[in-house]
Protein backbone atom coordinates (compact mmCIF):
# COMPACT_ATOMS: atom_id res chain seq x y z
CA UNK A 1 0.00 0.00 0.00
CA UNK A 2 2.84 2.38 0.83
CA UNK A 3 4.35 1.72 -2.61
CA UNK A 4 1.08 2.65 -4.29
CA UNK A 5 0.91 5.92 -2.35
CA UNK A 6 4.55 6.64 -3.21
CA UNK A 7 3.99 5.99 -6.93
CA UNK A 8 0.83 8.10 -6.95
CA UNK A 9 2.63 10.96 -5.23
CA UNK A 10 5.51 10.73 -7.71
CA UNK A 11 3.06 10.75 -10.63
CA UNK A 12 1.33 13.86 -9.29
CA UNK A 13 4.71 15.54 -8.75
CA UNK A 14 5.86 14.64 -12.28
CA UNK A 15 2.63 15.96 -13.76
CA UNK A 16 2.91 19.21 -11.80
CA UNK A 17 6.52 19.70 -12.90
CA UNK A 18 5.68 19.03 -16.56
CA UNK A 19 2.81 21.50 -16.50
CA UNK A 20 4.36 24.20 -14.33
CA UNK A 21 8.13 24.13 -14.88
CA UNK A 22 8.01 23.61 -18.65
CA UNK A 23 5.58 26.49 -19.19
CA UNK A 24 6.33 30.05 -20.18
CA UNK A 25 5.32 32.96 -17.95
CA UNK A 26 2.22 33.63 -20.04
CA UNK A 27 1.16 29.98 -19.81
CA UNK A 28 1.69 30.04 -16.03
CA UNK A 29 -0.54 33.10 -15.73
CA UNK A 30 -3.25 31.42 -17.80
CA UNK A 31 -3.02 28.22 -15.73
CA UNK A 32 -3.15 30.18 -12.47
CA UNK A 33 -6.15 32.21 -13.64
CA UNK A 34 -8.00 29.08 -14.74
CA UNK A 35 -7.35 27.43 -11.38
CA UNK A 36 -8.55 30.49 -9.51
CA UNK A 37 -11.61 31.00 -11.69
CA UNK A 38 -12.69 27.38 -11.51
CA UNK A 39 -12.01 27.12 -7.80
CA UNK A 40 -9.54 24.28 -8.23
CA UNK A 41 -6.67 26.20 -6.66
CA UNK A 42 -7.98 25.49 -3.18
CA UNK A 43 -7.86 21.66 -3.35
CA UNK A 44 -5.11 21.26 -5.98
CA UNK A 45 -2.30 23.24 -4.37
CA UNK A 46 -2.34 21.40 -1.00
CA UNK A 47 -2.60 18.05 -2.79
CA UNK A 48 0.45 18.90 -4.88
CA UNK A 49 2.41 20.04 -1.82
CA UNK A 50 1.60 16.82 0.06
CA UNK A 51 2.44 14.73 -3.01
CA UNK A 52 5.80 16.46 -3.39
CA UNK A 53 6.60 15.84 0.28
CA UNK A 54 5.70 12.15 -0.03
CA UNK A 55 7.61 11.82 -3.32
CA UNK A 56 10.81 12.97 -1.69
PDB file of N, CA and C in Angstrom:
ATOM      1  N   UNK A   1       0.821  -1.188   0.000  1.00  0.00           N
ATOM      2  CA  UNK A   1       0.000   0.000   0.000  1.00  0.00           C
ATOM      3  C   UNK A   1       0.874   1.265   0.000  1.00  0.00           C
ATOM      4  N   UNK A   2       1.956   1.218   0.778  1.00  0.00           N
ATOM      5  CA  UNK A   2       2.842   2.384   0.829  1.00  0.00           C
ATOM      6  C   UNK A   2       3.471   2.646  -0.539  1.00  0.00           C
ATOM      7  N   UNK A   3       3.782   1.566  -1.269  1.00  0.00           N
ATOM      8  CA  UNK A   3       4.348   1.720  -2.615  1.00  0.00           C
ATOM      9  C   UNK A   3       3.377   2.395  -3.562  1.00  0.00           C
ATOM     10  N   UNK A   4       2.101   2.044  -3.445  1.00  0.00           N
ATOM     11  CA  UNK A   4       1.076   2.653  -4.287  1.00  0.00           C
ATOM     12  C   UNK A   4       0.965   4.151  -3.997  1.00  0.00           C
ATOM     13  N   UNK A   5       0.980   4.502  -2.722  1.00  0.00           N
ATOM     14  CA  UNK A   5       0.908   5.919  -2.345  1.00  0.00           C
ATOM     15  C   UNK A   5       2.133   6.658  -2.858  1.00  0.00           C
ATOM     16  N   UNK A   6       3.296   6.033  -2.734  1.00  0.00           N
ATOM     17  CA  UNK A   6       4.551   6.640  -3.207  1.00  0.00           C
ATOM     18  C   UNK A   6       4.501   6.864  -4.720  1.00  0.00           C
ATOM     19  N   UNK A   7       4.063   5.859  -5.477  1.00  0.00           N
ATOM     20  CA  UNK A   7       3.993   5.988  -6.935  1.00  0.00           C
ATOM     21  C   UNK A   7       2.971   7.041  -7.350  1.00  0.00           C
ATOM     22  N   UNK A   8       1.848   7.093  -6.647  1.00  0.00           N
ATOM     23  CA  UNK A   8       0.831   8.096  -6.945  1.00  0.00           C
ATOM     24  C   UNK A   8       1.365   9.496  -6.681  1.00  0.00           C
ATOM     25  N   UNK A   9       2.053   9.663  -5.560  1.00  0.00           N
ATOM     26  CA  UNK A   9       2.631  10.964  -5.230  1.00  0.00           C
ATOM     27  C   UNK A   9       3.677  11.365  -6.260  1.00  0.00           C
ATOM     28  N   UNK A  10       4.497  10.426  -6.694  1.00  0.00           N
ATOM     29  CA  UNK A  10       5.507  10.727  -7.710  1.00  0.00           C
ATOM     30  C   UNK A  10       4.856  11.106  -9.033  1.00  0.00           C
ATOM     31  N   UNK A  11       3.764  10.430  -9.384  1.00  0.00           N
ATOM     32  CA  UNK A  11       3.061  10.747 -10.629  1.00  0.00           C
ATOM     33  C   UNK A  11       2.467  12.152 -10.579  1.00  0.00           C
ATOM     34  N   UNK A  12       1.886  12.519  -9.443  1.00  0.00           N
ATOM     35  CA  UNK A  12       1.330  13.865  -9.291  1.00  0.00           C
ATOM     36  C   UNK A  12       2.445  14.895  -9.378  1.00  0.00           C
ATOM     37  N   UNK A  13       3.575  14.618  -8.718  1.00  0.00           N
ATOM     38  CA  UNK A  13       4.714  15.536  -8.748  1.00  0.00           C
ATOM     39  C   UNK A  13       5.256  15.683 -10.165  1.00  0.00           C
ATOM     40  N   UNK A  14       5.384  14.581 -10.897  1.00  0.00           N
ATOM     41  CA  UNK A  14       5.856  14.636 -12.283  1.00  0.00           C
ATOM     42  C   UNK A  14       4.907  15.441 -13.167  1.00  0.00           C
ATOM     43  N   UNK A  15       3.610  15.234 -12.969  1.00  0.00           N
ATOM     44  CA  UNK A  15       2.626  15.956 -13.760  1.00  0.00           C
ATOM     45  C   UNK A  15       2.718  17.449 -13.466  1.00  0.00           C
ATOM     46  N   UNK A  16       2.818  17.803 -12.188  1.00  0.00           N
ATOM     47  CA  UNK A  16       2.906  19.208 -11.802  1.00  0.00           C
ATOM     48  C   UNK A  16       4.147  19.857 -12.408  1.00  0.00           C
ATOM     49  N   UNK A  17       5.278  19.149 -12.343  1.00  0.00           N
ATOM     50  CA  UNK A  17       6.519  19.696 -12.904  1.00  0.00           C
ATOM     51  C   UNK A  17       6.399  19.877 -14.419  1.00  0.00           C
ATOM     52  N   UNK A  18       5.790  18.917 -15.103  1.00  0.00           N
ATOM     53  CA  UNK A  18       5.681  19.026 -16.559  1.00  0.00           C
ATOM     54  C   UNK A  18       4.759  20.172 -16.956  1.00  0.00           C
ATOM     55  N   UNK A  19       3.734  20.410 -16.172  1.00  0.00           N
ATOM     56  CA  UNK A  19       2.809  21.497 -16.496  1.00  0.00           C
ATOM     57  C   UNK A  19       3.396  22.834 -16.080  1.00  0.00           C
ATOM     58  N   UNK A  20       3.947  22.911 -14.879  1.00  0.00           N
ATOM     59  CA  UNK A  20       4.356  24.198 -14.335  1.00  0.00           C
ATOM     60  C   UNK A  20       5.761  24.611 -14.770  1.00  0.00           C
ATOM     61  N   UNK A  21       6.743  23.744 -14.631  1.00  0.00           N
ATOM     62  CA  UNK A  21       8.129  24.126 -14.880  1.00  0.00           C
ATOM     63  C   UNK A  21       8.474  24.240 -16.365  1.00  0.00           C
ATOM     64  N   UNK A  22       7.735  23.560 -17.218  1.00  0.00           N
ATOM     65  CA  UNK A  22       8.010  23.608 -18.646  1.00  0.00           C
ATOM     66  C   UNK A  22       7.173  24.662 -19.358  1.00  0.00           C
ATOM     67  N   UNK A  23       6.469  25.484 -18.603  1.00  0.00           N
ATOM     68  CA  UNK A  23       5.585  26.487 -19.193  1.00  0.00           C
ATOM     69  C   UNK A  23       6.249  27.861 -19.182  1.00  0.00           C
ATOM     70  N   UNK A  24       5.851  28.666 -20.152  1.00  0.00           N
ATOM     71  CA  UNK A  24       6.334  30.052 -20.183  1.00  0.00           C
ATOM     72  C   UNK A  24       5.566  30.863 -19.141  1.00  0.00           C
ATOM     73  N   UNK A  25       5.980  32.097 -18.936  1.00  0.00           N
ATOM     74  CA  UNK A  25       5.319  32.958 -17.954  1.00  0.00           C
ATOM     75  C   UNK A  25       3.862  33.188 -18.322  1.00  0.00           C
ATOM     76  N   UNK A  26       3.597  33.409 -19.596  1.00  0.00           N
ATOM     77  CA  UNK A  26       2.216  33.630 -20.039  1.00  0.00           C
ATOM     78  C   UNK A  26       1.360  32.383 -19.787  1.00  0.00           C
ATOM     79  N   UNK A  27       1.903  31.213 -20.050  1.00  0.00           N
ATOM     80  CA  UNK A  27       1.159  29.982 -19.807  1.00  0.00           C
ATOM     81  C   UNK A  27       0.902  29.787 -18.315  1.00  0.00           C
ATOM     82  N   UNK A  28       1.883  30.143 -17.480  1.00  0.00           N
ATOM     83  CA  UNK A  28       1.695  30.040 -16.032  1.00  0.00           C
ATOM     84  C   UNK A  28       0.576  30.955 -15.557  1.00  0.00           C
ATOM     85  N   UNK A  29       0.521  32.154 -16.102  1.00  0.00           N
ATOM     86  CA  UNK A  29      -0.537  33.097 -15.732  1.00  0.00           C
ATOM     87  C   UNK A  29      -1.896  32.536 -16.134  1.00  0.00           C
ATOM     88  N   UNK A  30      -1.981  31.991 -17.328  1.00  0.00           N
ATOM     89  CA  UNK A  30      -3.251  31.422 -17.800  1.00  0.00           C
ATOM     90  C   UNK A  30      -3.665  30.247 -16.921  1.00  0.00           C
ATOM     91  N   UNK A  31      -2.719  29.367 -16.593  1.00  0.00           N
ATOM     92  CA  UNK A  31      -3.019  28.219 -15.732  1.00  0.00           C
ATOM     93  C   UNK A  31      -3.488  28.698 -14.364  1.00  0.00           C
ATOM     94  N   UNK A  32      -2.772  29.664 -13.787  1.00  0.00           N
ATOM     95  CA  UNK A  32      -3.153  30.184 -12.469  1.00  0.00           C
ATOM     96  C   UNK A  32      -4.540  30.810 -12.500  1.00  0.00           C
ATOM     97  N   UNK A  33      -4.833  31.585 -13.530  1.00  0.00           N
ATOM     98  CA  UNK A  33      -6.153  32.207 -13.642  1.00  0.00           C
ATOM     99  C   UNK A  33      -7.253  31.165 -13.790  1.00  0.00           C
ATOM    100  N   UNK A  34      -6.996  30.138 -14.589  1.00  0.00           N
ATOM    101  CA  UNK A  34      -7.996  29.078 -14.742  1.00  0.00           C
ATOM    102  C   UNK A  34      -8.246  28.353 -13.425  1.00  0.00           C
ATOM    103  N   UNK A  35      -7.184  28.086 -12.678  1.00  0.00           N
ATOM    104  CA  UNK A  35      -7.352  27.432 -11.382  1.00  0.00           C
ATOM    105  C   UNK A  35      -8.136  28.305 -10.411  1.00  0.00           C
ATOM    106  N   UNK A  36      -7.840  29.580 -10.411  1.00  0.00           N
ATOM    107  CA  UNK A  36      -8.546  30.492  -9.506  1.00  0.00           C
ATOM    108  C   UNK A  36     -10.008  30.625  -9.916  1.00  0.00           C
ATOM    109  N   UNK A  37     -10.242  30.813 -11.202  1.00  0.00           N
ATOM    110  CA  UNK A  37     -11.611  31.001 -11.688  1.00  0.00           C
ATOM    111  C   UNK A  37     -12.465  29.760 -11.446  1.00  0.00           C
ATOM    112  N   UNK A  38     -11.907  28.599 -11.671  1.00  0.00           N
ATOM    113  CA  UNK A  38     -12.694  27.381 -11.508  1.00  0.00           C
ATOM    114  C   UNK A  38     -12.745  26.895 -10.073  1.00  0.00           C
ATOM    115  N   UNK A  39     -11.979  27.514  -9.198  1.00  0.00           N
ATOM    116  CA  UNK A  39     -12.010  27.119  -7.802  1.00  0.00           C
ATOM    117  C   UNK A  39     -11.166  25.899  -7.496  1.00  0.00           C
ATOM    118  N   UNK A  40     -10.366  25.458  -8.451  1.00  0.00           N
ATOM    119  CA  UNK A  40      -9.543  24.277  -8.233  1.00  0.00           C
ATOM    120  C   UNK A  40      -8.270  24.584  -7.461  1.00  0.00           C
ATOM    121  N   UNK A  41      -7.917  25.843  -7.343  1.00  0.00           N
ATOM    122  CA  UNK A  41      -6.672  26.199  -6.661  1.00  0.00           C
ATOM    123  C   UNK A  41      -6.720  25.790  -5.195  1.00  0.00           C
ATOM    124  N   UNK A  42      -7.876  25.824  -4.598  1.00  0.00           N
ATOM    125  CA  UNK A  42      -7.980  25.487  -3.176  1.00  0.00           C
ATOM    126  C   UNK A  42      -7.633  24.021  -2.930  1.00  0.00           C
ATOM    127  N   UNK A  43      -8.236  23.046  -3.639  1.00  0.00           N
ATOM    128  CA  UNK A  43      -7.860  21.659  -3.345  1.00  0.00           C
ATOM    129  C   UNK A  43      -6.589  21.188  -4.052  1.00  0.00           C
ATOM    130  N   UNK A  44      -6.238  21.765  -5.190  1.00  0.00           N
ATOM    131  CA  UNK A  44      -5.112  21.259  -5.975  1.00  0.00           C
ATOM    132  C   UNK A  44      -3.777  21.599  -5.335  1.00  0.00           C
ATOM    133  N   UNK A  45      -3.600  22.817  -4.896  1.00  0.00           N
ATOM    134  CA  UNK A  45      -2.301  23.236  -4.371  1.00  0.00           C
ATOM    135  C   UNK A  45      -1.897  22.426  -3.134  1.00  0.00           C
ATOM    136  N   UNK A  46      -2.756  22.241  -2.137  1.00  0.00           N
ATOM    137  CA  UNK A  46      -2.338  21.403  -1.002  1.00  0.00           C
ATOM    138  C   UNK A  46      -2.069  19.950  -1.400  1.00  0.00           C
ATOM    139  N   UNK A  47      -2.823  19.415  -2.340  1.00  0.00           N
ATOM    140  CA  UNK A  47      -2.600  18.045  -2.794  1.00  0.00           C
ATOM    141  C   UNK A  47      -1.223  17.939  -3.435  1.00  0.00           C
ATOM    142  N   UNK A  48      -0.861  18.911  -4.231  1.00  0.00           N
ATOM    143  CA  UNK A  48       0.451  18.899  -4.883  1.00  0.00           C
ATOM    144  C   UNK A  48       1.562  19.019  -3.847  1.00  0.00           C
ATOM    145  N   UNK A  49       1.391  19.889  -2.861  1.00  0.00           N
ATOM    146  CA  UNK A  49       2.415  20.039  -1.816  1.00  0.00           C
ATOM    147  C   UNK A  49       2.604  18.734  -1.053  1.00  0.00           C
ATOM    148  N   UNK A  50       1.513  18.090  -0.673  1.00  0.00           N
ATOM    149  CA  UNK A  50       1.604  16.819   0.056  1.00  0.00           C
ATOM    150  C   UNK A  50       2.245  15.760  -0.827  1.00  0.00           C
ATOM    151  N   UNK A  51       1.870  15.710  -2.084  1.00  0.00           N
ATOM    152  CA  UNK A  51       2.441  14.734  -3.007  1.00  0.00           C
ATOM    153  C   UNK A  51       3.941  14.945  -3.170  1.00  0.00           C
ATOM    154  N   UNK A  52       4.362  16.178  -3.247  1.00  0.00           N
ATOM    155  CA  UNK A  52       5.797  16.459  -3.387  1.00  0.00           C
ATOM    156  C   UNK A  52       6.565  16.056  -2.141  1.00  0.00           C
ATOM    157  N   UNK A  53       5.958  16.248  -0.971  1.00  0.00           N
ATOM    158  CA  UNK A  53       6.602  15.841   0.281  1.00  0.00           C
ATOM    159  C   UNK A  53       6.742  14.321   0.328  1.00  0.00           C
ATOM    160  N   UNK A  54       5.677  13.611  -0.042  1.00  0.00           N
ATOM    161  CA  UNK A  54       5.703  12.150  -0.028  1.00  0.00           C
ATOM    162  C   UNK A  54       6.677  11.629  -1.073  1.00  0.00           C
ATOM    163  N   UNK A  55       6.736  12.291  -2.234  1.00  0.00           N
ATOM    164  CA  UNK A  55       7.608  11.818  -3.321  1.00  0.00           C
ATOM    165  C   UNK A  55       9.076  11.912  -2.954  1.00  0.00           C
ATOM    166  N   UNK A  56       9.410  12.826  -2.099  1.00  0.00           N
ATOM    167  CA  UNK A  56      10.811  12.970  -1.685  1.00  0.00           C
ATOM    168  C   UNK A  56      11.068  11.997  -0.602  1.00  0.00           C
TER     169      UNK A  56
END
